[in-house]
Amino acid sequence: MEEFLRVLLPRLLGPISFEIHPFEGKQALLRKLPQRLGGYARWLPSTHKIVVIVDRDDEDCRDLKRKLDQIVADAGLTPKSRAGDGPYSVVNRLAIEELEAWYFGDWDAVCRAYPNVSPTAAKKAAYRHPDEIVRGTWEAFERELQRARYFTTGIRKVEAARTIAVQMEPSQNRSPSFCAFRDVLMALSST
């Protein structure tokens, strides 16, 4: 996700500066986020926004979002979902199920990045709704790339993230979780 964002965010945000603070997985993020946000709460200017993004994995979306919003509130910051029309400092977004669902959401970008991949793969019933892919999104993505003779010994996720992010057309993505992420960034960049 970090490498994907490093390539994609400048394209979405334009001249707005940003920093990425990765965690070693979802559990580390949930464990360390309260302290990190507590530190930000002491100095964060009202013009700054924090966007937290985490894979949903197998968790219930609503429960995970509530958990994140509570972490934000307990740290003394206001999550967007609780701000109504008022000011907020943190936006929580989920990648459902994983980053690779966002790749299925813009399969044309995958085809541009990896030209031997089947252009109709994302139209298969199992992949038609990117955020509803079952039994492992990254595994499904890896299978499709391996069918096209890419990453035959296992996907190199960082390389794929960088390569696909360059090709992605954010306005064309069909993944609802990507669209929610993209839309909040677009709103932030227009204020």
N, C-alpha and C. Protein backbone atom coordinates (compact mmCIF):
# COMPACT_ATOMS: atom_id res chain seq x y z
N MET A 1 0.83 -1.20 0.00
CA MET A 1 0.00 0.00 0.00
C MET A 1 0.87 1.26 0.00
N GLU A 2 1.94 1.24 0.80
CA GLU A 2 2.80 2.41 0.88
C GLU A 2 3.35 2.78 -0.50
N GLU A 3 3.87 1.83 -1.21
CA GLU A 3 4.46 2.11 -2.52
C GLU A 3 3.40 2.52 -3.54
N PHE A 4 2.25 1.90 -3.48
CA PHE A 4 1.14 2.27 -4.34
C PHE A 4 0.77 3.74 -4.11
N LEU A 5 0.66 4.13 -2.84
CA LEU A 5 0.29 5.51 -2.50
C LEU A 5 1.38 6.51 -2.89
N ARG A 6 2.63 6.13 -2.75
CA ARG A 6 3.72 7.05 -3.11
C ARG A 6 3.66 7.43 -4.60
N VAL A 7 3.17 6.51 -5.41
CA VAL A 7 3.04 6.79 -6.84
C VAL A 7 1.71 7.48 -7.15
N LEU A 8 0.64 7.03 -6.53
CA LEU A 8 -0.70 7.54 -6.87
C LEU A 8 -1.03 8.91 -6.25
N LEU A 9 -0.63 9.13 -5.01
CA LEU A 9 -1.04 10.36 -4.32
C LEU A 9 -0.62 11.65 -5.01
N PRO A 10 0.60 11.76 -5.52
CA PRO A 10 0.94 13.01 -6.22
C PRO A 10 0.01 13.28 -7.41
N ARG A 11 -0.44 12.23 -8.04
CA ARG A 11 -1.36 12.40 -9.17
C ARG A 11 -2.74 12.86 -8.70
N LEU A 12 -3.17 12.40 -7.53
CA LEU A 12 -4.48 12.78 -7.01
C LEU A 12 -4.47 14.13 -6.30
N LEU A 13 -3.39 14.41 -5.58
CA LEU A 13 -3.36 15.60 -4.73
C LEU A 13 -2.73 16.82 -5.37
N GLY A 14 -2.04 16.63 -6.47
CA GLY A 14 -1.38 17.77 -7.10
C GLY A 14 -0.33 18.35 -6.18
N PRO A 15 -0.36 19.67 -5.96
CA PRO A 15 0.70 20.31 -5.19
C PRO A 15 0.58 20.13 -3.67
N ILE A 16 -0.46 19.47 -3.20
CA ILE A 16 -0.62 19.28 -1.75
C ILE A 16 0.44 18.31 -1.25
N SER A 17 1.13 18.68 -0.20
CA SER A 17 2.16 17.80 0.36
C SER A 17 1.51 16.74 1.25
N PHE A 18 2.19 15.62 1.37
CA PHE A 18 1.68 14.53 2.20
C PHE A 18 2.85 13.73 2.73
N GLU A 19 2.58 12.99 3.77
CA GLU A 19 3.54 12.05 4.32
C GLU A 19 2.81 10.72 4.50
N ILE A 20 3.56 9.64 4.36
CA ILE A 20 3.00 8.31 4.57
C ILE A 20 3.74 7.70 5.75
N HIS A 21 2.97 7.21 6.70
CA HIS A 21 3.55 6.56 7.88
C HIS A 21 3.03 5.13 7.92
N PRO A 22 3.78 4.21 7.33
CA PRO A 22 3.30 2.82 7.28
C PRO A 22 3.50 2.10 8.62
N PHE A 23 2.69 1.09 8.81
CA PHE A 23 2.81 0.21 9.96
C PHE A 23 3.10 -1.19 9.43
N GLU A 24 3.63 -2.03 10.26
CA GLU A 24 3.92 -3.41 9.86
C GLU A 24 2.65 -4.26 9.99
N GLY A 25 1.68 -3.96 9.16
CA GLY A 25 0.45 -4.74 9.15
C GLY A 25 -0.67 -4.10 9.96
N LYS A 26 -1.82 -4.66 9.78
CA LYS A 26 -3.04 -4.13 10.38
C LYS A 26 -3.01 -4.17 11.91
N GLN A 27 -2.55 -5.27 12.47
CA GLN A 27 -2.53 -5.38 13.93
C GLN A 27 -1.59 -4.35 14.54
N ALA A 28 -0.46 -4.10 13.92
CA ALA A 28 0.45 -3.07 14.42
C ALA A 28 -0.19 -1.69 14.33
N LEU A 29 -0.91 -1.43 13.24
CA LEU A 29 -1.59 -0.15 13.10
C LEU A 29 -2.61 0.03 14.22
N LEU A 30 -3.43 -0.97 14.45
CA LEU A 30 -4.46 -0.85 15.49
C LEU A 30 -3.84 -0.71 16.88
N ARG A 31 -2.71 -1.32 17.10
CA ARG A 31 -2.04 -1.26 18.40
C ARG A 31 -1.34 0.09 18.61
N LYS A 32 -0.72 0.63 17.55
CA LYS A 32 0.09 1.84 17.70
C LYS A 32 -0.64 3.14 17.36
N LEU A 33 -1.76 3.03 16.67
CA LEU A 33 -2.48 4.23 16.23
C LEU A 33 -2.93 5.13 17.37
N PRO A 34 -3.42 4.60 18.49
CA PRO A 34 -3.85 5.51 19.57
C PRO A 34 -2.73 6.44 20.04
N GLN A 35 -1.54 5.91 20.23
CA GLN A 35 -0.43 6.74 20.68
C GLN A 35 -0.01 7.74 19.61
N ARG A 36 0.05 7.29 18.36
CA ARG A 36 0.43 8.18 17.25
C ARG A 36 -0.57 9.33 17.13
N LEU A 37 -1.86 9.02 17.14
CA LEU A 37 -2.86 10.07 17.02
C LEU A 37 -2.87 10.99 18.23
N GLY A 38 -2.61 10.43 19.40
CA GLY A 38 -2.52 11.26 20.61
C GLY A 38 -1.42 12.30 20.48
N GLY A 39 -0.31 11.90 19.87
CA GLY A 39 0.78 12.85 19.62
C GLY A 39 0.36 13.92 18.64
N TYR A 40 -0.32 13.53 17.59
CA TYR A 40 -0.78 14.50 16.60
C TYR A 40 -1.80 15.47 17.21
N ALA A 41 -2.63 14.99 18.10
CA ALA A 41 -3.68 15.83 18.69
C ALA A 41 -3.10 17.04 19.40
N ARG A 42 -1.86 16.94 19.86
CA ARG A 42 -1.25 18.05 20.61
C ARG A 42 -0.75 19.18 19.72
N TRP A 43 -0.60 18.93 18.40
CA TRP A 43 -0.03 19.99 17.57
C TRP A 43 -0.67 20.15 16.20
N LEU A 44 -1.54 19.27 15.80
CA LEU A 44 -2.06 19.25 14.44
C LEU A 44 -2.82 20.54 14.10
N PRO A 45 -2.35 21.30 13.11
CA PRO A 45 -3.07 22.50 12.70
C PRO A 45 -4.41 22.12 12.05
N SER A 46 -5.35 23.03 12.10
CA SER A 46 -6.68 22.75 11.54
C SER A 46 -6.63 22.57 10.02
N THR A 47 -5.59 23.03 9.39
CA THR A 47 -5.46 22.88 7.93
C THR A 47 -4.91 21.52 7.52
N HIS A 48 -4.46 20.72 8.48
CA HIS A 48 -3.90 19.40 8.20
C HIS A 48 -4.97 18.32 8.39
N LYS A 49 -4.92 17.31 7.58
CA LYS A 49 -5.83 16.17 7.69
C LYS A 49 -5.01 14.89 7.72
N ILE A 50 -5.52 13.93 8.46
CA ILE A 50 -4.91 12.60 8.52
C ILE A 50 -5.89 11.64 7.86
N VAL A 51 -5.37 10.83 6.95
CA VAL A 51 -6.18 9.78 6.34
C VAL A 51 -5.58 8.45 6.76
N VAL A 52 -6.37 7.65 7.44
CA VAL A 52 -5.95 6.32 7.88
C VAL A 52 -6.58 5.33 6.92
N ILE A 53 -5.76 4.47 6.36
CA ILE A 53 -6.27 3.44 5.46
C ILE A 53 -5.77 2.09 5.93
N VAL A 54 -6.68 1.14 5.98
CA VAL A 54 -6.35 -0.19 6.47
C VAL A 54 -7.14 -1.22 5.67
N ASP A 55 -6.53 -2.38 5.46
CA ASP A 55 -7.24 -3.48 4.81
C ASP A 55 -8.34 -3.98 5.73
N ARG A 56 -9.48 -4.25 5.15
CA ARG A 56 -10.56 -4.83 5.93
C ARG A 56 -10.25 -6.26 6.29
N ASP A 57 -9.61 -6.98 5.39
CA ASP A 57 -9.36 -8.41 5.55
C ASP A 57 -10.70 -9.09 5.81
N ASP A 58 -10.81 -9.85 6.88
CA ASP A 58 -12.05 -10.59 7.14
C ASP A 58 -12.95 -9.92 8.17
N GLU A 59 -12.61 -8.72 8.58
CA GLU A 59 -13.41 -8.04 9.60
C GLU A 59 -14.68 -7.43 9.01
N ASP A 60 -15.67 -7.28 9.84
CA ASP A 60 -16.88 -6.58 9.44
C ASP A 60 -16.55 -5.10 9.24
N CYS A 61 -16.95 -4.56 8.10
CA CYS A 61 -16.62 -3.16 7.75
C CYS A 61 -17.07 -2.18 8.82
N ARG A 62 -18.31 -2.32 9.24
CA ARG A 62 -18.86 -1.35 10.20
C ARG A 62 -18.15 -1.43 11.54
N ASP A 63 -17.85 -2.65 11.98
CA ASP A 63 -17.14 -2.81 13.25
C ASP A 63 -15.74 -2.20 13.18
N LEU A 64 -15.04 -2.46 12.10
CA LEU A 64 -13.69 -1.92 11.95
C LEU A 64 -13.72 -0.40 11.87
N LYS A 65 -14.66 0.15 11.14
CA LYS A 65 -14.78 1.61 11.02
C LYS A 65 -15.11 2.22 12.38
N ARG A 66 -16.02 1.59 13.13
CA ARG A 66 -16.35 2.09 14.48
C ARG A 66 -15.12 2.06 15.39
N LYS A 67 -14.36 0.96 15.28
CA LYS A 67 -13.15 0.83 16.09
C LYS A 67 -12.17 1.95 15.76
N LEU A 68 -11.96 2.22 14.47
CA LEU A 68 -11.04 3.29 14.06
C LEU A 68 -11.55 4.66 14.52
N ASP A 69 -12.84 4.90 14.34
CA ASP A 69 -13.41 6.19 14.77
C ASP A 69 -13.26 6.38 16.28
N GLN A 70 -13.41 5.31 17.04
CA GLN A 70 -13.26 5.41 18.49
C GLN A 70 -11.82 5.69 18.88
N ILE A 71 -10.89 5.08 18.18
CA ILE A 71 -9.46 5.35 18.43
C ILE A 71 -9.17 6.83 18.19
N VAL A 72 -9.71 7.37 17.10
CA VAL A 72 -9.52 8.79 16.77
C VAL A 72 -10.11 9.67 17.86
N ALA A 73 -11.35 9.39 18.25
CA ALA A 73 -12.01 10.21 19.28
C ALA A 73 -11.28 10.11 20.61
N ASP A 74 -10.86 8.91 20.99
CA ASP A 74 -10.14 8.74 22.25
C ASP A 74 -8.81 9.49 22.26
N ALA A 75 -8.24 9.72 21.08
CA ALA A 75 -6.98 10.46 20.98
C ALA A 75 -7.21 11.97 21.04
N GLY A 76 -8.46 12.39 21.05
CA GLY A 76 -8.75 13.82 21.14
C GLY A 76 -8.90 14.49 19.78
N LEU A 77 -9.09 13.70 18.73
CA LEU A 77 -9.29 14.23 17.39
C LEU A 77 -10.71 13.91 16.93
N THR A 78 -11.14 14.58 15.88
CA THR A 78 -12.50 14.36 15.37
C THR A 78 -12.45 13.58 14.06
N PRO A 79 -13.09 12.40 14.05
CA PRO A 79 -13.17 11.66 12.78
C PRO A 79 -14.24 12.28 11.88
N LYS A 80 -14.00 12.25 10.60
CA LYS A 80 -14.94 12.83 9.63
C LYS A 80 -16.35 12.26 9.80
N SER A 81 -16.44 10.99 10.07
CA SER A 81 -17.77 10.36 10.17
C SER A 81 -18.58 10.87 11.35
N ARG A 82 -17.96 11.50 12.31
CA ARG A 82 -18.68 12.04 13.47
C ARG A 82 -18.77 13.56 13.45
N ALA A 83 -18.24 14.20 12.43
CA ALA A 83 -18.17 15.66 12.41
C ALA A 83 -19.40 16.33 11.84
N GLY A 84 -20.26 15.56 11.15
CA GLY A 84 -21.38 16.20 10.47
C GLY A 84 -20.84 17.21 9.48
N ASP A 85 -21.33 18.45 9.56
CA ASP A 85 -20.81 19.51 8.68
C ASP A 85 -19.68 20.29 9.33
N GLY A 86 -19.28 19.87 10.53
CA GLY A 86 -18.25 20.59 11.26
C GLY A 86 -16.85 20.17 10.89
N PRO A 87 -15.89 20.77 11.54
CA PRO A 87 -14.48 20.47 11.24
C PRO A 87 -14.11 19.06 11.71
N TYR A 88 -13.17 18.46 11.03
CA TYR A 88 -12.66 17.14 11.39
C TYR A 88 -11.17 17.12 11.10
N SER A 89 -10.49 16.16 11.67
CA SER A 89 -9.05 16.08 11.45
C SER A 89 -8.61 14.73 10.89
N VAL A 90 -9.46 13.70 11.00
CA VAL A 90 -9.07 12.36 10.56
C VAL A 90 -10.17 11.73 9.72
N VAL A 91 -9.76 11.11 8.63
CA VAL A 91 -10.67 10.34 7.78
C VAL A 91 -10.18 8.89 7.82
N ASN A 92 -11.08 7.98 8.15
CA ASN A 92 -10.74 6.56 8.14
C ASN A 92 -11.32 5.92 6.90
N ARG A 93 -10.50 5.17 6.18
CA ARG A 93 -10.94 4.49 4.97
C ARG A 93 -10.45 3.05 4.99
N LEU A 94 -11.24 2.17 4.42
CA LEU A 94 -10.92 0.75 4.36
C LEU A 94 -10.65 0.33 2.93
N ALA A 95 -9.64 -0.49 2.75
CA ALA A 95 -9.42 -1.16 1.47
C ALA A 95 -10.12 -2.52 1.60
N ILE A 96 -11.16 -2.71 0.82
CA ILE A 96 -11.97 -3.93 0.96
C ILE A 96 -11.70 -4.83 -0.22
N GLU A 97 -11.27 -5.95 -0.02
CA GLU A 97 -10.75 -6.63 1.15
C GLU A 97 -9.29 -6.25 1.36
N GLU A 98 -8.60 -6.06 0.24
CA GLU A 98 -7.19 -5.70 0.27
C GLU A 98 -6.91 -4.77 -0.90
N LEU A 99 -5.70 -4.24 -0.94
CA LEU A 99 -5.28 -3.36 -2.03
C LEU A 99 -5.55 -3.98 -3.40
N GLU A 100 -5.37 -5.28 -3.52
CA GLU A 100 -5.52 -5.92 -4.83
C GLU A 100 -6.94 -5.80 -5.38
N ALA A 101 -7.93 -5.59 -4.53
CA ALA A 101 -9.29 -5.35 -5.03
C ALA A 101 -9.32 -4.05 -5.84
N TRP A 102 -8.49 -3.10 -5.47
CA TRP A 102 -8.41 -1.85 -6.21
C TRP A 102 -7.82 -2.10 -7.59
N TYR A 103 -6.93 -3.08 -7.71
CA TYR A 103 -6.39 -3.43 -9.02
C TYR A 103 -7.49 -4.03 -9.90
N PHE A 104 -8.28 -4.92 -9.32
CA PHE A 104 -9.40 -5.49 -10.09
C PHE A 104 -10.37 -4.39 -10.50
N GLY A 105 -10.46 -3.33 -9.70
CA GLY A 105 -11.34 -2.21 -10.00
C GLY A 105 -10.92 -1.41 -11.22
N ASP A 106 -9.64 -1.43 -11.55
CA ASP A 106 -9.14 -0.77 -12.76
C ASP A 106 -8.31 -1.79 -13.53
N TRP A 107 -8.98 -2.78 -14.07
CA TRP A 107 -8.29 -3.86 -14.77
C TRP A 107 -7.55 -3.36 -16.01
N ASP A 108 -8.03 -2.29 -16.60
CA ASP A 108 -7.32 -1.72 -17.75
C ASP A 108 -5.91 -1.28 -17.34
N ALA A 109 -5.78 -0.75 -16.12
CA ALA A 109 -4.45 -0.35 -15.63
C ALA A 109 -3.55 -1.58 -15.49
N VAL A 110 -4.12 -2.67 -15.00
CA VAL A 110 -3.36 -3.92 -14.88
C VAL A 110 -2.90 -4.38 -16.26
N CYS A 111 -3.79 -4.30 -17.23
CA CYS A 111 -3.45 -4.72 -18.61
C CYS A 111 -2.38 -3.82 -19.22
N ARG A 112 -2.40 -2.54 -18.91
CA ARG A 112 -1.35 -1.65 -19.41
C ARG A 112 -0.02 -1.98 -18.74
N ALA A 113 -0.07 -2.31 -17.45
CA ALA A 113 1.14 -2.64 -16.71
C ALA A 113 1.70 -4.00 -17.11
N TYR A 114 0.80 -4.92 -17.37
CA TYR A 114 1.17 -6.31 -17.71
C TYR A 114 0.39 -6.73 -18.95
N PRO A 115 0.89 -6.40 -20.12
CA PRO A 115 0.14 -6.56 -21.37
C PRO A 115 -0.31 -7.98 -21.71
N ASN A 116 0.30 -9.00 -21.15
CA ASN A 116 -0.13 -10.37 -21.47
C ASN A 116 -1.33 -10.83 -20.66
N VAL A 117 -1.73 -10.05 -19.68
CA VAL A 117 -2.87 -10.42 -18.83
C VAL A 117 -4.15 -10.36 -19.68
N SER A 118 -5.05 -11.29 -19.40
CA SER A 118 -6.31 -11.32 -20.13
C SER A 118 -7.12 -10.05 -19.86
N PRO A 119 -7.52 -9.34 -20.91
CA PRO A 119 -8.30 -8.13 -20.70
C PRO A 119 -9.71 -8.41 -20.18
N THR A 120 -10.16 -9.65 -20.25
CA THR A 120 -11.51 -9.99 -19.78
C THR A 120 -11.51 -10.64 -18.40
N ALA A 121 -10.35 -10.80 -17.78
CA ALA A 121 -10.29 -11.48 -16.48
C ALA A 121 -11.20 -10.83 -15.44
N ALA A 122 -11.22 -9.52 -15.38
CA ALA A 122 -12.02 -8.83 -14.37
C ALA A 122 -13.52 -8.92 -14.64
N LYS A 123 -13.89 -9.45 -15.79
CA LYS A 123 -15.32 -9.63 -16.11
C LYS A 123 -15.84 -10.98 -15.63
N LYS A 124 -14.94 -11.85 -15.16
CA LYS A 124 -15.38 -13.13 -14.61
C LYS A 124 -16.31 -12.88 -13.45
N ALA A 125 -17.26 -13.75 -13.26
CA ALA A 125 -18.24 -13.58 -12.18
C ALA A 125 -17.55 -13.39 -10.82
N ALA A 126 -16.47 -14.10 -10.58
CA ALA A 126 -15.78 -14.02 -9.28
C ALA A 126 -15.11 -12.68 -9.04
N TYR A 127 -14.83 -11.93 -10.12
CA TYR A 127 -14.09 -10.68 -9.99
C TYR A 127 -14.90 -9.44 -10.40
N ARG A 128 -16.10 -9.65 -10.85
CA ARG A 128 -16.90 -8.55 -11.40
C ARG A 128 -17.14 -7.42 -10.39
N HIS A 129 -17.24 -7.80 -9.13
CA HIS A 129 -17.43 -6.80 -8.06
C HIS A 129 -16.17 -6.85 -7.19
N PRO A 130 -15.22 -5.95 -7.45
CA PRO A 130 -13.88 -6.05 -6.85
C PRO A 130 -13.86 -6.16 -5.33
N ASP A 131 -14.75 -5.46 -4.64
CA ASP A 131 -14.74 -5.48 -3.18
C ASP A 131 -15.43 -6.72 -2.61
N GLU A 132 -15.94 -7.58 -3.47
CA GLU A 132 -16.64 -8.78 -3.01
C GLU A 132 -15.92 -10.07 -3.39
N ILE A 133 -14.68 -9.96 -3.82
CA ILE A 133 -13.91 -11.16 -4.18
C ILE A 133 -13.68 -11.98 -2.92
N VAL A 134 -13.99 -13.26 -3.01
CA VAL A 134 -13.85 -14.14 -1.85
C VAL A 134 -12.63 -15.02 -1.98
N ARG A 135 -12.19 -15.54 -0.84
CA ARG A 135 -11.05 -16.46 -0.76
C ARG A 135 -9.74 -15.82 -1.21
N GLY A 136 -9.49 -14.62 -0.76
CA GLY A 136 -8.19 -14.01 -0.97
C GLY A 136 -8.05 -13.20 -2.24
N THR A 137 -8.11 -11.89 -2.11
CA THR A 137 -7.99 -11.00 -3.26
C THR A 137 -6.59 -11.03 -3.84
N TRP A 138 -5.57 -10.98 -2.99
CA TRP A 138 -4.22 -10.97 -3.54
C TRP A 138 -3.90 -12.30 -4.19
N GLU A 139 -4.44 -13.39 -3.65
CA GLU A 139 -4.21 -14.69 -4.26
C GLU A 139 -4.86 -14.77 -5.63
N ALA A 140 -6.06 -14.22 -5.75
CA ALA A 140 -6.75 -14.20 -7.04
C ALA A 140 -5.98 -13.35 -8.04
N PHE A 141 -5.49 -12.23 -7.57
CA PHE A 141 -4.70 -11.35 -8.44
C PHE A 141 -3.43 -12.06 -8.90
N GLU A 142 -2.76 -12.71 -7.97
CA GLU A 142 -1.55 -13.45 -8.32
C GLU A 142 -1.84 -14.53 -9.35
N ARG A 143 -2.93 -15.26 -9.17
CA ARG A 143 -3.29 -16.31 -10.14
C ARG A 143 -3.46 -15.75 -11.54
N GLU A 144 -4.13 -14.60 -11.65
CA GLU A 144 -4.35 -14.00 -12.97
C GLU A 144 -3.02 -13.57 -13.61
N LEU A 145 -2.13 -13.02 -12.81
CA LEU A 145 -0.83 -12.64 -13.35
C LEU A 145 -0.01 -13.87 -13.73
N GLN A 146 -0.08 -14.90 -12.93
CA GLN A 146 0.68 -16.11 -13.25
C GLN A 146 0.14 -16.80 -14.50
N ARG A 147 -1.16 -16.75 -14.72
CA ARG A 147 -1.72 -17.30 -15.96
C ARG A 147 -1.11 -16.62 -17.18
N ALA A 148 -0.76 -15.36 -17.02
CA ALA A 148 -0.16 -14.59 -18.11
C ALA A 148 1.37 -14.67 -18.07
N ARG A 149 1.89 -15.54 -17.23
CA ARG A 149 3.33 -15.80 -17.11
C ARG A 149 4.12 -14.65 -16.44
N TYR A 150 3.44 -13.91 -15.58
CA TYR A 150 4.12 -12.93 -14.74
C TYR A 150 4.24 -13.51 -13.34
N PHE A 151 5.32 -13.20 -12.65
CA PHE A 151 5.51 -13.60 -11.25
C PHE A 151 5.28 -15.09 -11.05
N THR A 152 5.85 -15.91 -11.90
CA THR A 152 5.61 -17.36 -11.83
C THR A 152 6.13 -17.99 -10.54
N THR A 153 7.06 -17.33 -9.87
CA THR A 153 7.55 -17.86 -8.59
C THR A 153 6.95 -17.14 -7.40
N GLY A 154 5.95 -16.33 -7.63
CA GLY A 154 5.28 -15.59 -6.56
C GLY A 154 5.29 -14.10 -6.83
N ILE A 155 4.19 -13.47 -6.52
CA ILE A 155 4.05 -12.05 -6.83
C ILE A 155 5.00 -11.21 -5.97
N ARG A 156 5.58 -10.24 -6.58
CA ARG A 156 6.39 -9.24 -5.88
C ARG A 156 5.48 -8.03 -5.69
N LYS A 157 4.87 -7.96 -4.52
CA LYS A 157 3.81 -6.98 -4.27
C LYS A 157 4.25 -5.53 -4.44
N VAL A 158 5.43 -5.19 -3.98
CA VAL A 158 5.91 -3.81 -4.09
C VAL A 158 6.08 -3.43 -5.56
N GLU A 159 6.69 -4.30 -6.33
CA GLU A 159 6.87 -4.04 -7.76
C GLU A 159 5.52 -3.88 -8.46
N ALA A 160 4.59 -4.77 -8.16
CA ALA A 160 3.26 -4.68 -8.77
C ALA A 160 2.56 -3.39 -8.37
N ALA A 161 2.67 -3.01 -7.11
CA ALA A 161 2.02 -1.78 -6.63
C ALA A 161 2.52 -0.56 -7.39
N ARG A 162 3.82 -0.45 -7.52
CA ARG A 162 4.40 0.69 -8.23
C ARG A 162 3.98 0.69 -9.71
N THR A 163 4.08 -0.47 -10.33
CA THR A 163 3.80 -0.59 -11.76
C THR A 163 2.35 -0.28 -12.08
N ILE A 164 1.44 -0.78 -11.27
CA ILE A 164 0.01 -0.56 -11.52
C ILE A 164 -0.40 0.87 -11.16
N ALA A 165 0.15 1.41 -10.08
CA ALA A 165 -0.22 2.78 -9.69
C ALA A 165 0.09 3.78 -10.79
N VAL A 166 1.18 3.57 -11.51
CA VAL A 166 1.53 4.46 -12.62
C VAL A 166 0.45 4.43 -13.69
N GLN A 167 -0.15 3.29 -13.90
CA GLN A 167 -1.13 3.10 -14.97
C GLN A 167 -2.57 3.41 -14.55
N MET A 168 -2.83 3.46 -13.27
CA MET A 168 -4.21 3.58 -12.79
C MET A 168 -4.83 4.91 -13.18
N GLU A 169 -6.08 4.82 -13.61
CA GLU A 169 -6.91 6.00 -13.88
C GLU A 169 -7.95 6.08 -12.76
N PRO A 170 -7.70 6.87 -11.73
CA PRO A 170 -8.57 6.87 -10.56
C PRO A 170 -10.06 7.09 -10.87
N SER A 171 -10.35 7.89 -11.86
CA SER A 171 -11.76 8.15 -12.18
C SER A 171 -12.45 6.95 -12.81
N GLN A 172 -11.67 5.96 -13.27
CA GLN A 172 -12.24 4.79 -13.92
C GLN A 172 -12.38 3.58 -12.99
N ASN A 173 -11.90 3.68 -11.78
CA ASN A 173 -11.88 2.53 -10.89
C ASN A 173 -13.29 2.15 -10.43
N ARG A 174 -13.59 0.86 -10.44
CA ARG A 174 -14.92 0.36 -10.08
C ARG A 174 -14.99 -0.15 -8.64
N SER A 175 -13.90 -0.17 -7.92
CA SER A 175 -13.92 -0.64 -6.54
C SER A 175 -14.56 0.42 -5.65
N PRO A 176 -15.68 0.11 -5.00
CA PRO A 176 -16.32 1.11 -4.13
C PRO A 176 -15.39 1.62 -3.02
N SER A 177 -14.56 0.75 -2.47
CA SER A 177 -13.67 1.23 -1.40
C SER A 177 -12.59 2.16 -1.96
N PHE A 178 -12.11 1.88 -3.18
CA PHE A 178 -11.17 2.81 -3.80
C PHE A 178 -11.87 4.14 -4.07
N CYS A 179 -13.09 4.09 -4.59
CA CYS A 179 -13.82 5.33 -4.90
C CYS A 179 -14.03 6.18 -3.65
N ALA A 180 -14.34 5.54 -2.52
CA ALA A 180 -14.51 6.29 -1.27
C ALA A 180 -13.20 6.95 -0.87
N PHE A 181 -12.09 6.25 -1.02
CA PHE A 181 -10.78 6.79 -0.73
C PHE A 181 -10.44 7.94 -1.68
N ARG A 182 -10.62 7.70 -2.97
CA ARG A 182 -10.33 8.72 -3.99
C ARG A 182 -11.18 9.97 -3.75
N ASP A 183 -12.45 9.78 -3.49
CA ASP A 183 -13.35 10.93 -3.34
C ASP A 183 -12.98 11.80 -2.14
N VAL A 184 -12.57 11.19 -1.04
CA VAL A 184 -12.18 11.99 0.12
C VAL A 184 -10.90 12.77 -0.19
N LEU A 185 -9.99 12.14 -0.92
CA LEU A 185 -8.76 12.86 -1.30
C LEU A 185 -9.07 14.01 -2.25
N MET A 186 -9.96 13.78 -3.19
CA MET A 186 -10.34 14.85 -4.11
C MET A 186 -10.99 16.00 -3.36
N ALA A 187 -11.83 15.68 -2.39
CA ALA A 187 -12.46 16.74 -1.59
C ALA A 187 -11.41 17.51 -0.79
N LEU A 188 -10.45 16.79 -0.22
CA LEU A 188 -9.38 17.46 0.53
C LEU A 188 -8.54 18.35 -0.37
N SER A 189 -8.29 17.89 -1.58
CA SER A 189 -7.44 18.67 -2.47
C SER A 189 -8.15 19.90 -3.04
N SER A 190 -9.46 19.95 -2.94
CA SER A 190 -10.20 21.09 -3.47
C SER A 190 -10.50 22.14 -2.40
N THR A 191 -10.11 21.87 -1.15
CA THR A 191 -10.38 22.85 -0.08
C THR A 191 -9.17 23.71 0.20
